[in-house]
Amino acid sequence: MAYDEQLANRVRTALKGRRAMVEKKMFGGLAYLSNGKMFAGILKSDLVVRVGPEANDTALTRPHTRPMDFTGRPMKGYIYVGPAGTKSAAQLRTWLARGQTFVASLPPAKRKAAR
């Protein structure tokens, strides 16, 4: 599965200079992580945003959004934002910020104990 390289460049520009941000190839697309947790990604021409289960239904009322159904079943807490919903830099930044805000609210990942 390919991803929209132009959108990836726009995301890189929007995230430039932010600390603890990592871009990683995953699931045939790109994932963007903050402190080890995915907050956004790109699959084909769609932006994937991790909004969290509680904000899922509200996020889906926004234009150009739909449930993320990567596996054939909707993944509550993740949504797709179509190209028209990320057309402007401001729209893209808003969606990225929503994902970053959600993952910042999560507890730190537990580290595995050394054996």
Protein backbone atom coordinates (compact mmCIF):
# COMPACT_ATOMS: atom_id res chain seq x y z
CA MET A 1 0.00 0.00 0.00
CA ALA A 2 1.56 3.28 -1.07
CA TYR A 3 1.19 6.60 0.71
CA ASP A 4 0.88 10.15 -0.55
CA GLU A 5 4.45 11.47 -0.52
CA GLN A 6 3.24 15.05 -1.00
CA LEU A 7 1.09 14.78 2.15
CA ALA A 8 4.04 13.21 3.97
CA ASN A 9 6.20 16.23 3.06
CA ARG A 10 3.48 18.58 4.32
CA VAL A 11 3.26 16.66 7.61
CA ARG A 12 7.06 16.79 7.97
CA THR A 13 6.95 20.55 7.45
CA ALA A 14 4.14 20.96 9.99
CA LEU A 15 6.04 18.91 12.58
CA LYS A 16 9.48 20.38 11.90
CA GLY A 17 11.29 21.38 15.07
CA ARG A 18 9.00 19.45 17.41
CA ARG A 19 10.80 17.33 19.93
CA ALA A 20 10.27 13.61 20.40
CA MET A 21 8.59 13.17 17.01
CA VAL A 22 9.39 10.06 15.00
CA GLU A 23 8.30 9.07 11.51
CA LYS A 24 8.10 5.33 10.98
CA LYS A 25 6.99 3.16 8.06
CA MET A 26 4.15 0.96 9.29
CA PHE A 27 1.21 -0.93 7.79
CA GLY A 28 2.20 0.05 4.23
CA GLY A 29 2.07 3.73 5.11
CA LEU A 30 3.70 6.16 7.48
CA ALA A 31 3.10 6.63 11.18
CA TYR A 32 4.01 9.65 13.28
CA LEU A 33 4.83 8.99 16.91
CA SER A 34 5.30 11.20 19.93
CA ASN A 35 7.11 9.64 22.88
CA GLY A 36 6.64 6.23 21.28
CA LYS A 37 2.89 6.53 20.69
CA MET A 38 1.25 6.93 17.31
CA PHE A 39 -0.76 10.14 16.97
CA ALA A 40 -1.15 10.33 13.18
CA GLY A 41 -0.26 8.55 9.98
CA ILE A 42 -0.78 8.40 6.26
CA LEU A 43 -2.43 5.53 4.38
CA LYS A 44 -2.81 6.08 0.65
CA SER A 45 -4.04 9.70 0.40
CA ASP A 46 -5.72 9.82 3.80
CA LEU A 47 -4.43 11.25 7.04
CA VAL A 48 -4.99 8.91 9.98
CA VAL A 49 -5.56 10.71 13.28
CA ARG A 50 -5.67 9.14 16.72
CA VAL A 51 -8.42 11.08 18.48
CA GLY A 52 -9.18 8.60 21.25
CA PRO A 53 -12.33 6.58 21.90
CA GLU A 54 -14.15 9.38 23.74
CA ALA A 55 -13.64 11.91 20.92
CA ASN A 56 -14.23 9.42 18.10
CA ASP A 57 -17.90 10.16 17.41
CA THR A 58 -17.43 13.93 17.64
CA ALA A 59 -14.45 13.83 15.28
CA LEU A 60 -16.53 11.90 12.76
CA THR A 61 -19.02 14.79 12.57
CA ARG A 62 -16.28 16.93 10.97
CA PRO A 63 -16.26 17.22 7.17
CA HIS A 64 -14.18 14.76 5.15
CA THR A 65 -13.80 12.21 7.96
CA ARG A 66 -14.74 8.56 8.18
CA PRO A 67 -14.04 5.66 10.55
CA MET A 68 -10.66 4.02 10.20
CA ASP A 69 -11.38 0.50 9.06
CA PHE A 70 -7.91 -0.64 8.07
CA THR A 71 -8.62 -4.21 9.17
CA GLY A 72 -12.19 -4.31 7.88
CA ARG A 73 -13.57 -3.35 11.29
CA PRO A 74 -13.67 0.26 12.48
CA MET A 75 -10.95 1.06 15.00
CA LYS A 76 -12.58 3.27 17.62
CA GLY A 77 -10.33 6.18 18.46
CA TYR A 78 -8.74 6.43 15.02
CA ILE A 79 -10.25 8.22 12.03
CA TYR A 80 -9.40 8.86 8.40
CA VAL A 81 -9.37 12.45 7.17
CA GLY A 82 -9.69 12.61 3.39
CA PRO A 83 -7.58 14.91 1.20
CA ALA A 84 -10.20 17.68 1.19
CA GLY A 85 -9.98 17.81 5.00
CA THR A 86 -6.23 18.49 4.96
CA LYS A 87 -6.11 20.78 1.94
CA SER A 88 -4.84 23.84 3.83
CA ALA A 89 -1.85 23.99 6.16
CA ALA A 90 -4.18 25.16 8.95
CA GLN A 91 -6.47 22.14 8.52
CA LEU A 92 -3.50 19.78 8.57
CA ARG A 93 -2.00 21.41 11.68
CA THR A 94 -5.37 21.23 13.46
CA TRP A 95 -5.69 17.49 12.87
CA LEU A 96 -2.08 16.80 13.84
CA ALA A 97 -2.56 18.81 17.04
CA ARG A 98 -5.66 16.77 17.91
CA GLY A 99 -3.68 13.56 17.64
CA GLN A 100 -0.75 14.95 19.61
CA THR A 101 -3.06 16.24 22.35
CA PHE A 102 -4.67 12.85 22.72
CA VAL A 103 -1.43 10.87 23.01
CA ALA A 104 -0.03 13.45 25.44
CA SER A 105 -2.95 12.61 27.74
CA LEU A 106 -2.02 8.92 27.87
CA PRO A 107 0.09 7.45 30.68
CA PRO A 108 3.71 6.67 29.83
CA ALA A 109 4.33 3.29 28.26
CA LYS A 110 5.43 0.64 30.74
CA ARG A 111 8.95 -0.58 30.12
CA LYS A 112 9.57 -4.29 29.95
CA ALA A 113 11.69 -5.61 32.77
CA ALA A 114 15.12 -6.95 31.87
CA ARG A 115 15.43 -10.71 32.16
